[in-house]
Amino acid sequence: MLRPLIEAGHADLSIRRQCELLGLSRSSLYYQGVPESAENLRLMRLLDQEYTAHPFLGSRRLRRWLNEQGEEVNRKRVQRLMRLMGLEAIYPKPKLSAARAGHRIYPYLLRNVRIERPDQVWSTDITYVPLASGFMYLAAIIDWFSRYVLAWRLSNTLDGSFCLEMLEEALRRGRPEVFNTDQGVQFTAQAWTGRLESAEVAVSMDGKGRCLDNVFVERLWRSVKYEDIYLWRYETVPQLQQGLGRYFPYYNEERLHQSLEYRTPAAVYQEGRSGERSAV
């Protein structure tokens, strides 16, 4: 997806430098992926459902769970599939998702901070989405105060370009005071952090052992999967795109949240922003 764009544009930047800015290795730029077997795709769908229900499970317990379901699979295979899916058990540990060497790691800015208004803190994450004969990755940006989804994107790779497209869409809606992410290569790349800094947004990154810093996005993934993806079992990317295009407006504008006193994210987001404008 990225290769034609990189090779065609930015004559003043080398391919190596463009890859560095995007958080993409040159080898992955030219890599032609081999489709996963039907058996692995089936196991990945099982792993995704169990992990979504119990995101604290690691490879050992997921392997045991699969064995209990009658699936003869060893831990090494489970670990490989989890890496492909971008899954990691949510619990305090010495090292979270690794940044690429040379990428700057920003401090965590939200310790003991009360979230009191829309656009105070945004965050994002990426999740695996199963299809009948393949899979995609889904990213979304959420406002912490209102749980409002500002933008989302699908991609068939974990490169940083689809995250940047999503960020641009969100910034057209507004601008947060702080943007929090994990330390994944998509979010430590200069293209991502530089865009936030150019918009005068403070960059915050989850610290070591801080397993719940992106808990609002994790809850969003659970809702999306149980209320839409697992129910419809999309077979193709266009079907998935159309389905999520229906679900996210429903999530924002119709779905009542208990944590929001049974209001919708859109109502809370818009009321909060209107209140701020009135106070100015």
C-alpha atoms as a PDB file:
ATOM      1  CA  MET A   1       0.000   0.000   0.000  1.00  0.00           C
ATOM      2  CA  LEU A   2       2.791   2.453   0.868  1.00  0.00           C
ATOM      3  CA  ARG A   3       5.385   1.421  -1.700  1.00  0.00           C
ATOM      4  CA  PRO A   4       3.961   3.296  -4.744  1.00  0.00           C
ATOM      5  CA  LEU A   5       3.428   6.444  -2.652  1.00  0.00           C
ATOM      6  CA  ILE A   6       6.943   6.435  -1.225  1.00  0.00           C
ATOM      7  CA  GLU A   7       8.623   5.678  -4.528  1.00  0.00           C
ATOM      8  CA  ALA A   8       6.584   8.316  -6.392  1.00  0.00           C
ATOM      9  CA  GLY A   9       6.780  11.264  -4.017  1.00  0.00           C
ATOM     10  CA  HIS A  10       9.132  13.534  -2.060  1.00  0.00           C
ATOM     11  CA  ALA A  11      12.085  13.724  -4.429  1.00  0.00           C
ATOM     12  CA  ASP A  12      14.001  15.667  -1.765  1.00  0.00           C
ATOM     13  CA  LEU A  13      13.796  12.769   0.697  1.00  0.00           C
ATOM     14  CA  SER A  14      15.439   9.373   0.266  1.00  0.00           C
ATOM     15  CA  ILE A  15      13.345   6.223   0.598  1.00  0.00           C
ATOM     16  CA  ARG A  16      15.303   5.411   3.764  1.00  0.00           C
ATOM     17  CA  ARG A  17      14.386   8.773   5.337  1.00  0.00           C
ATOM     18  CA  GLN A  18      10.721   8.502   4.342  1.00  0.00           C
ATOM     19  CA  CYS A  19      10.559   5.056   5.962  1.00  0.00           C
ATOM     20  CA  GLU A  20      12.178   6.407   9.134  1.00  0.00           C
ATOM     21  CA  LEU A  21       9.638   9.233   9.395  1.00  0.00           C
ATOM     22  CA  LEU A  22       6.749   6.780   8.992  1.00  0.00           C
ATOM     23  CA  GLY A  23       8.129   4.234  11.440  1.00  0.00           C
ATOM     24  CA  LEU A  24       8.490   1.685   8.635  1.00  0.00           C
ATOM     25  CA  SER A  25      11.482  -0.552   7.964  1.00  0.00           C
ATOM     26  CA  ARG A  26      12.787  -0.669   4.374  1.00  0.00           C
ATOM     27  CA  SER A  27      12.536  -4.457   4.379  1.00  0.00           C
ATOM     28  CA  SER A  28       8.818  -4.290   5.154  1.00  0.00           C
ATOM     29  CA  LEU A  29       8.343  -1.783   2.321  1.00  0.00           C
ATOM     30  CA  TYR A  30       9.411  -4.392  -0.239  1.00  0.00           C
ATOM     31  CA  TYR A  31       8.102  -7.449   1.590  1.00  0.00           C
ATOM     32  CA  GLN A  32       5.386  -9.378  -0.221  1.00  0.00           C
ATOM     33  CA  GLY A  33       3.299 -11.036   2.440  1.00  0.00           C
ATOM     34  CA  VAL A  34       2.304 -14.689   2.269  1.00  0.00           C
ATOM     35  CA  PRO A  35      -1.376 -15.218   3.140  1.00  0.00           C
ATOM     36  CA  GLU A  36      -2.017 -17.112   6.349  1.00  0.00           C
ATOM     37  CA  SER A  37      -3.444 -20.612   6.042  1.00  0.00           C
ATOM     38  CA  ALA A  38      -7.129 -21.208   6.646  1.00  0.00           C
ATOM     39  CA  GLU A  39      -6.168 -23.107   9.808  1.00  0.00           C
ATOM     40  CA  ASN A  40      -4.177 -20.179  11.190  1.00  0.00           C
ATOM     41  CA  LEU A  41      -6.973 -17.750  10.348  1.00  0.00           C
ATOM     42  CA  ARG A  42      -9.408 -19.957  12.252  1.00  0.00           C
ATOM     43  CA  LEU A  43      -7.093 -20.045  15.270  1.00  0.00           C
ATOM     44  CA  MET A  44      -6.646 -16.266  15.067  1.00  0.00           C
ATOM     45  CA  ARG A  45     -10.402 -15.745  15.181  1.00  0.00           C
ATOM     46  CA  LEU A  46     -10.598 -17.926  18.291  1.00  0.00           C
ATOM     47  CA  LEU A  47      -7.696 -16.072  19.908  1.00  0.00           C
ATOM     48  CA  ASP A  48      -9.246 -12.712  19.120  1.00  0.00           C
ATOM     49  CA  GLN A  49     -12.564 -13.596  20.729  1.00  0.00           C
ATOM     50  CA  GLU A  50     -10.981 -14.998  23.891  1.00  0.00           C
ATOM     51  CA  TYR A  51      -8.504 -12.117  24.158  1.00  0.00           C
ATOM     52  CA  THR A  52     -11.261  -9.519  23.697  1.00  0.00           C
ATOM     53  CA  ALA A  53     -13.195 -11.132  26.541  1.00  0.00           C
ATOM     54  CA  HIS A  54     -10.102 -11.542  28.763  1.00  0.00           C
ATOM     55  CA  PRO A  55      -7.340  -9.134  27.634  1.00  0.00           C
ATOM     56  CA  PHE A  56      -5.138 -10.051  30.614  1.00  0.00           C
ATOM     57  CA  LEU A  57      -4.408 -13.492  29.138  1.00  0.00           C
ATOM     58  CA  GLY A  58      -0.909 -14.127  27.785  1.00  0.00           C
ATOM     59  CA  SER A  59       0.344 -16.763  25.371  1.00  0.00           C
ATOM     60  CA  ARG A  60       0.641 -19.511  28.015  1.00  0.00           C
ATOM     61  CA  ARG A  61      -2.954 -19.256  29.168  1.00  0.00           C
ATOM     62  CA  LEU A  62      -4.302 -18.706  25.671  1.00  0.00           C
ATOM     63  CA  ARG A  63      -2.476 -21.831  24.504  1.00  0.00           C
ATOM     64  CA  ARG A  64      -3.990 -23.753  27.421  1.00  0.00           C
ATOM     65  CA  TRP A  65      -7.443 -22.349  26.588  1.00  0.00           C
ATOM     66  CA  LEU A  66      -7.089 -23.466  22.967  1.00  0.00           C
ATOM     67  CA  ASN A  67      -6.030 -26.935  24.125  1.00  0.00           C
ATOM     68  CA  GLU A  68      -9.153 -27.098  26.306  1.00  0.00           C
ATOM     69  CA  GLN A  69     -11.223 -26.313  23.196  1.00  0.00           C
ATOM     70  CA  GLY A  70      -9.679 -29.332  21.491  1.00  0.00           C
ATOM     71  CA  GLU A  71      -7.094 -27.370  19.483  1.00  0.00           C
ATOM     72  CA  GLU A  72      -3.678 -29.043  19.497  1.00  0.00           C
ATOM     73  CA  VAL A  73      -1.380 -26.036  19.261  1.00  0.00           C
ATOM     74  CA  ASN A  74       1.903 -25.218  20.978  1.00  0.00           C
ATOM     75  CA  ARG A  75       2.858 -21.965  22.670  1.00  0.00           C
ATOM     76  CA  LYS A  76       5.350 -20.949  19.957  1.00  0.00           C
ATOM     77  CA  ARG A  77       2.585 -20.936  17.376  1.00  0.00           C
ATOM     78  CA  VAL A  78       0.290 -18.958  19.667  1.00  0.00           C
ATOM     79  CA  GLN A  79       3.053 -16.400  20.236  1.00  0.00           C
ATOM     80  CA  ARG A  80       3.606 -15.973  16.493  1.00  0.00           C
ATOM     81  CA  LEU A  81      -0.089 -15.481  15.820  1.00  0.00           C
ATOM     82  CA  MET A  82      -0.378 -13.007  18.690  1.00  0.00           C
ATOM     83  CA  ARG A  83       2.511 -10.962  17.271  1.00  0.00           C
ATOM     84  CA  LEU A  84       0.822 -10.944  13.866  1.00  0.00           C
ATOM     85  CA  MET A  85      -2.431  -9.817  15.469  1.00  0.00           C
ATOM     86  CA  GLY A  86      -0.744  -7.167  17.597  1.00  0.00           C
ATOM     87  CA  LEU A  87      -1.996  -8.759  20.817  1.00  0.00           C
ATOM     88  CA  GLU A  88      -0.303  -8.356  24.171  1.00  0.00           C
ATOM     89  CA  ALA A  89      -1.659  -9.284  27.580  1.00  0.00           C
ATOM     90  CA  ILE A  90      -2.774  -6.232  29.566  1.00  0.00           C
ATOM     91  CA  TYR A  91      -0.892  -6.356  32.863  1.00  0.00           C
ATOM     92  CA  PRO A  92       2.022  -4.439  34.409  1.00  0.00           C
ATOM     93  CA  LYS A  93       5.298  -5.628  32.907  1.00  0.00           C
ATOM     94  CA  PRO A  94       8.818  -4.313  32.355  1.00  0.00           C
ATOM     95  CA  LYS A  95       8.431  -3.504  28.647  1.00  0.00           C
ATOM     96  CA  LEU A  96       5.436  -2.451  26.595  1.00  0.00           C
ATOM     97  CA  SER A  97       5.199  -2.342  22.794  1.00  0.00           C
ATOM     98  CA  ALA A  98       8.657  -1.395  21.604  1.00  0.00           C
ATOM     99  CA  ALA A  99       9.525   1.755  19.734  1.00  0.00           C
ATOM    100  CA  ARG A 100      11.998   1.648  16.881  1.00  0.00           C
ATOM    101  CA  ALA A 101      15.592   2.443  17.777  1.00  0.00           C
ATOM    102  CA  GLY A 102      16.205   6.172  17.517  1.00  0.00           C
ATOM    103  CA  HIS A 103      12.571   7.143  18.006  1.00  0.00           C
ATOM    104  CA  ARG A 104      11.944   9.529  20.871  1.00  0.00           C
ATOM    105  CA  ILE A 105       9.864   8.272  23.796  1.00  0.00           C
ATOM    106  CA  TYR A 106       7.761  11.012  25.375  1.00  0.00           C
ATOM    107  CA  PRO A 107       6.843  11.105  29.085  1.00  0.00           C
ATOM    108  CA  TYR A 108       3.444  10.119  30.423  1.00  0.00           C
ATOM    109  CA  LEU A 109       1.583  13.359  31.177  1.00  0.00           C
ATOM    110  CA  LEU A 110      -1.656  12.117  32.703  1.00  0.00           C
ATOM    111  CA  ARG A 111      -0.661  10.837  36.137  1.00  0.00           C
ATOM    112  CA  ASN A 112      -3.287  12.053  38.651  1.00  0.00           C
ATOM    113  CA  VAL A 113      -4.884  14.304  36.018  1.00  0.00           C
ATOM    114  CA  ARG A 114      -8.677  14.678  36.236  1.00  0.00           C
ATOM    115  CA  ILE A 115     -10.452  14.430  32.897  1.00  0.00           C
ATOM    116  CA  GLU A 116     -13.026  17.225  33.021  1.00  0.00           C
ATOM    117  CA  ARG A 117     -13.804  18.392  29.467  1.00  0.00           C
ATOM    118  CA  PRO A 118     -13.911  17.338  25.820  1.00  0.00           C
ATOM    119  CA  ASP A 119     -10.688  17.687  23.825  1.00  0.00           C
ATOM    120  CA  GLN A 120      -8.643  17.554  27.003  1.00  0.00           C
ATOM    121  CA  VAL A 121      -7.214  14.118  26.151  1.00  0.00           C
ATOM    122  CA  TRP A 122      -7.437  12.011  23.008  1.00  0.00           C
ATOM    123  CA  SER A 123      -5.908   8.586  22.532  1.00  0.00           C
ATOM    124  CA  THR A 124      -5.654   5.889  19.884  1.00  0.00           C
ATOM    125  CA  ASP A 125      -4.868   2.213  19.450  1.00  0.00           C
ATOM    126  CA  ILE A 126      -4.921  -0.529  16.811  1.00  0.00           C
ATOM    127  CA  THR A 127      -6.809  -3.823  16.953  1.00  0.00           C
ATOM    128  CA  TYR A 128      -7.029  -6.996  14.846  1.00  0.00           C
ATOM    129  CA  VAL A 129     -10.279  -7.609  12.940  1.00  0.00           C
ATOM    130  CA  PRO A 130     -11.061 -11.097  11.558  1.00  0.00           C
ATOM    131  CA  LEU A 131     -12.619 -11.712   8.157  1.00  0.00           C
ATOM    132  CA  ALA A 132     -13.869 -14.944   6.636  1.00  0.00           C
ATOM    133  CA  SER A 133     -10.675 -15.451   4.605  1.00  0.00           C
ATOM    134  CA  GLY A 134      -8.229 -12.947   6.054  1.00  0.00           C
ATOM    135  CA  PHE A 135      -7.983 -10.060   8.474  1.00  0.00           C
ATOM    136  CA  MET A 136      -7.541  -6.306   8.757  1.00  0.00           C
ATOM    137  CA  TYR A 137      -6.301  -3.837  11.356  1.00  0.00           C
ATOM    138  CA  LEU A 138      -8.604  -1.171  12.790  1.00  0.00           C
ATOM    139  CA  ALA A 139      -7.423   2.064  14.417  1.00  0.00           C
ATOM    140  CA  ALA A 140      -9.572   4.695  16.121  1.00  0.00           C
ATOM    141  CA  ILE A 141      -9.115   7.986  17.962  1.00  0.00           C
ATOM    142  CA  ILE A 142     -11.315   8.532  21.014  1.00  0.00           C
ATOM    143  CA  ASP A 143     -11.967  11.511  23.277  1.00  0.00           C
ATOM    144  CA  TRP A 144     -11.472  10.413  26.888  1.00  0.00           C
ATOM    145  CA  PHE A 145     -14.101  12.654  28.455  1.00  0.00           C
ATOM    146  CA  SER A 146     -17.013  11.798  26.169  1.00  0.00           C
ATOM    147  CA  ARG A 147     -15.867   8.450  24.669  1.00  0.00           C
ATOM    148  CA  TYR A 148     -16.608  10.054  21.290  1.00  0.00           C
ATOM    149  CA  VAL A 149     -14.876   8.395  18.307  1.00  0.00           C
ATOM    150  CA  LEU A 150     -13.364  11.225  16.287  1.00  0.00           C
ATOM    151  CA  ALA A 151     -11.943   9.161  13.415  1.00  0.00           C
ATOM    152  CA  TRP A 152     -11.173   5.572  12.417  1.00  0.00           C
ATOM    153  CA  ARG A 153      -9.335   3.737   9.665  1.00  0.00           C
ATOM    154  CA  LEU A 154      -8.852   0.193   8.342  1.00  0.00           C
ATOM    155  CA  SER A 155      -5.576  -1.159   6.951  1.00  0.00           C
ATOM    156  CA  ASN A 156      -4.186  -4.492   5.800  1.00  0.00           C
ATOM    157  CA  THR A 157      -0.756  -3.668   7.262  1.00  0.00           C
ATOM    158  CA  LEU A 158       0.603  -2.121  10.446  1.00  0.00           C
ATOM    159  CA  ASP A 159       2.472   0.684   8.700  1.00  0.00           C
ATOM    160  CA  GLY A 160       1.972   4.211   9.999  1.00  0.00           C
ATOM    161  CA  SER A 161       0.292   5.824   6.979  1.00  0.00           C
ATOM    162  CA  PHE A 162      -3.295   4.879   7.826  1.00  0.00           C
ATOM    163  CA  CYS A 163      -2.794   6.204  11.356  1.00  0.00           C
ATOM    164  CA  LEU A 164      -1.611   9.542   9.940  1.00  0.00           C
ATOM    165  CA  GLU A 165      -4.649   9.758   7.652  1.00  0.00           C
ATOM    166  CA  MET A 166      -6.874   9.121  10.666  1.00  0.00           C
ATOM    167  CA  LEU A 167      -5.045  11.777  12.703  1.00  0.00           C
ATOM    168  CA  GLU A 168      -5.523  14.378   9.963  1.00  0.00           C
ATOM    169  CA  GLU A 169      -9.261  13.687   9.894  1.00  0.00           C
ATOM    170  CA  ALA A 170      -9.522  14.037  13.672  1.00  0.00           C
ATOM    171  CA  LEU A 171      -7.548  17.290  13.720  1.00  0.00           C
ATOM    172  CA  ARG A 172     -10.007  18.773  11.236  1.00  0.00           C
ATOM    173  CA  ARG A 173     -12.658  18.324  13.944  1.00  0.00           C
ATOM    174  CA  GLY A 174     -10.686  19.929  16.737  1.00  0.00           C
ATOM    175  CA  ARG A 175      -7.470  19.755  18.720  1.00  0.00           C
ATOM    176  CA  PRO A 176      -6.769  18.033  22.031  1.00  0.00           C
ATOM    177  CA  GLU A 177      -4.579  19.427  24.770  1.00  0.00           C
ATOM    178  CA  VAL A 178      -2.874  16.041  25.186  1.00  0.00           C
ATOM    179  CA  PHE A 179      -2.700  13.019  22.872  1.00  0.00           C
ATOM    180  CA  ASN A 180      -1.828   9.738  24.605  1.00  0.00           C
ATOM    181  CA  THR A 181      -0.606   6.566  22.863  1.00  0.00           C
ATOM    182  CA  ASP A 182       1.424   3.483  23.591  1.00  0.00           C
ATOM    183  CA  GLN A 183       5.043   3.220  22.488  1.00  0.00           C
ATOM    184  CA  GLY A 184       4.358   1.379  19.228  1.00  0.00           C
ATOM    185  CA  VAL A 185       6.368   2.293  16.136  1.00  0.00           C
ATOM    186  CA  GLN A 186       3.376   3.967  14.479  1.00  0.00           C
ATOM    187  CA  PHE A 187       3.143   6.473  17.340  1.00  0.00           C
ATOM    188  CA  THR A 188       6.826   7.072  18.085  1.00  0.00           C
ATOM    189  CA  ALA A 189       7.620   7.797  14.413  1.00  0.00           C
ATOM    190  CA  GLN A 190       8.610  11.396  13.624  1.00  0.00           C
ATOM    191  CA  ALA A 191       5.742  11.730  11.143  1.00  0.00           C
ATOM    192  CA  TRP A 192       3.206  11.128  13.962  1.00  0.00           C
ATOM    193  CA  THR A 193       4.808  13.034  16.832  1.00  0.00           C
ATOM    194  CA  GLY A 194       5.894  15.873  14.543  1.00  0.00           C
ATOM    195  CA  ARG A 195       2.330  16.344  13.268  1.00  0.00           C
ATOM    196  CA  LEU A 196       1.010  16.574  16.825  1.00  0.00           C
ATOM    197  CA  GLU A 197       3.679  19.049  17.844  1.00  0.00           C
ATOM    198  CA  SER A 198       3.018  21.188  14.767  1.00  0.00           C
ATOM    199  CA  ALA A 199      -0.627  21.357  15.927  1.00  0.00           C
ATOM    200  CA  GLU A 200       0.608  22.393  19.407  1.00  0.00           C
ATOM    201  CA  VAL A 201      -0.624  19.185  21.014  1.00  0.00           C
ATOM    202  CA  ALA A 202       1.275  17.744  23.986  1.00  0.00           C
ATOM    203  CA  VAL A 203       2.443  14.194  23.257  1.00  0.00           C
ATOM    204  CA  SER A 204       2.005  11.637  26.048  1.00  0.00           C
ATOM    205  CA  MET A 205       3.048   7.973  25.964  1.00  0.00           C
ATOM    206  CA  ASP A 206       2.166   5.110  28.267  1.00  0.00           C
ATOM    207  CA  GLY A 207       4.919   4.457  30.778  1.00  0.00           C
ATOM    208  CA  LYS A 208       6.358   1.067  31.653  1.00  0.00           C
ATOM    209  CA  GLY A 209       3.927  -1.039  33.626  1.00  0.00           C
ATOM    210  CA  ARG A 210       1.009   1.357  33.015  1.00  0.00           C
ATOM    211  CA  CYS A 211      -1.353  -1.241  31.615  1.00  0.00           C
ATOM    212  CA  LEU A 212      -4.588   0.760  31.731  1.00  0.00           C
ATOM    213  CA  ASP A 213      -3.534   4.071  30.183  1.00  0.00           C
ATOM    214  CA  ASN A 214      -5.562   3.337  27.031  1.00  0.00           C
ATOM    215  CA  VAL A 215      -8.447   1.638  28.814  1.00  0.00           C
ATOM    216  CA  PHE A 216     -11.081   3.734  26.997  1.00  0.00           C
ATOM    217  CA  VAL A 217      -9.905   2.451  23.608  1.00  0.00           C
ATOM    218  CA  GLU A 218      -9.785  -1.123  24.943  1.00  0.00           C
ATOM    219  CA  ARG A 219     -13.426  -0.786  26.018  1.00  0.00           C
ATOM    220  CA  LEU A 220     -14.274   0.592  22.586  1.00  0.00           C
ATOM    221  CA  TRP A 221     -12.748  -2.481  20.905  1.00  0.00           C
ATOM    222  CA  ARG A 222     -14.845  -4.747  23.109  1.00  0.00           C
ATOM    223  CA  SER A 223     -18.029  -2.898  22.118  1.00  0.00           C
ATOM    224  CA  VAL A 224     -17.184  -2.843  18.401  1.00  0.00           C
ATOM    225  CA  LYS A 225     -16.399  -6.541  18.279  1.00  0.00           C
ATOM    226  CA  TYR A 226     -19.249  -7.899  20.396  1.00  0.00           C
ATOM    227  CA  GLU A 227     -21.892  -5.558  19.032  1.00  0.00           C
ATOM    228  CA  ASP A 228     -20.906  -5.623  15.370  1.00  0.00           C
ATOM    229  CA  ILE A 229     -17.934  -7.615  14.062  1.00  0.00           C
ATOM    230  CA  TYR A 230     -18.640 -10.940  15.794  1.00  0.00           C
ATOM    231  CA  LEU A 231     -22.360 -10.670  15.030  1.00  0.00           C
ATOM    232  CA  TRP A 232     -22.049  -9.991  11.304  1.00  0.00           C
ATOM    233  CA  ARG A 233     -18.926 -12.050  10.561  1.00  0.00           C
ATOM    234  CA  TYR A 234     -17.951  -9.940   7.564  1.00  0.00           C
ATOM    235  CA  GLU A 235     -16.486 -11.823   4.615  1.00  0.00           C
ATOM    236  CA  THR A 236     -14.897  -9.014   2.596  1.00  0.00           C
ATOM    237  CA  VAL A 237     -13.163  -5.692   3.249  1.00  0.00           C
ATOM    238  CA  PRO A 238     -15.945  -3.619   1.556  1.00  0.00           C
ATOM    239  CA  GLN A 239     -18.521  -5.344   3.773  1.00  0.00           C
ATOM    240  CA  LEU A 240     -16.407  -4.600   6.851  1.00  0.00           C
ATOM    241  CA  GLN A 241     -15.940  -0.969   5.778  1.00  0.00           C
ATOM    242  CA  GLN A 242     -19.671  -0.521   5.248  1.00  0.00           C
ATOM    243  CA  GLY A 243     -20.530  -2.274   8.502  1.00  0.00           C
ATOM    244  CA  LEU A 244     -18.202  -0.138  10.596  1.00  0.00           C
ATOM    245  CA  GLY A 245     -19.472   2.896   8.694  1.00  0.00           C
ATOM    246  CA  ARG A 246     -22.875   2.079  10.178  1.00  0.00           C
ATOM    247  CA  TYR A 247     -21.643   1.084  13.619  1.00  0.00           C
ATOM    248  CA  PHE A 248     -19.527   4.094  14.569  1.00  0.00           C
ATOM    249  CA  PRO A 249     -22.338   6.641  13.965  1.00  0.00           C
ATOM    250  CA  TYR A 250     -24.573   4.384  16.063  1.00  0.00           C
ATOM    251  CA  TYR A 251     -21.910   4.201  18.792  1.00  0.00           C
ATOM    252  CA  ASN A 252     -21.458   7.986  18.809  1.00  0.00           C
ATOM    253  CA  GLU A 253     -25.015   9.183  18.346  1.00  0.00           C
ATOM    254  CA  GLU A 254     -27.410   6.475  19.567  1.00  0.00           C
ATOM    255  CA  ARG A 255     -25.677   4.089  21.972  1.00  0.00           C
ATOM    256  CA  LEU A 256     -26.309   5.138  25.595  1.00  0.00           C
ATOM    257  CA  HIS A 257     -23.345   4.753  27.967  1.00  0.00           C
ATOM    258  CA  GLN A 258     -23.875   3.977  31.629  1.00  0.00           C
ATOM    259  CA  SER A 259     -20.623   5.771  32.494  1.00  0.00           C
ATOM    260  CA  LEU A 260     -22.019   8.898  30.784  1.00  0.00           C
ATOM    261  CA  GLU A 261     -25.248   8.780  32.841  1.00  0.00           C
ATOM    262  CA  TYR A 262     -27.026   7.095  29.933  1.00  0.00           C
ATOM    263  CA  ARG A 263     -26.195   9.782  27.396  1.00  0.00           C
ATOM    264  CA  THR A 264     -24.498   9.322  24.049  1.00  0.00           C
ATOM    265  CA  PRO A 265     -20.855  10.212  23.365  1.00  0.00           C
ATOM    266  CA  ALA A 266     -21.953  12.751  20.726  1.00  0.00           C
ATOM    267  CA  ALA A 267     -24.272  14.530  23.168  1.00  0.00           C
ATOM    268  CA  VAL A 268     -21.608  14.733  25.880  1.00  0.00           C
ATOM    269  CA  TYR A 269     -18.923  15.843  23.409  1.00  0.00           C
ATOM    270  CA  GLN A 270     -21.051  18.522  21.797  1.00  0.00           C
ATOM    271  CA  GLU A 271     -22.503  19.807  25.082  1.00  0.00           C
ATOM    272  CA  GLY A 272     -19.048  20.070  26.590  1.00  0.00           C
ATOM    273  CA  ARG A 273     -17.637  21.952  23.624  1.00  0.00           C
ATOM    274  CA  SER A 274     -20.650  24.286  23.529  1.00  0.00           C
ATOM    275  CA  GLY A 275     -20.191  25.010  27.221  1.00  0.00           C
ATOM    276  CA  GLU A 276     -16.553  25.879  26.694  1.00  0.00           C
ATOM    277  CA  ARG A 277     -17.388  28.262  23.842  1.00  0.00           C
ATOM    278  CA  SER A 278     -20.048  29.954  25.988  1.00  0.00           C
ATOM    279  CA  ALA A 279     -17.566  30.461  28.810  1.00  0.00           C
ATOM    280  CA  VAL A 280     -15.041  32.209  26.558  1.00  0.00           C
END
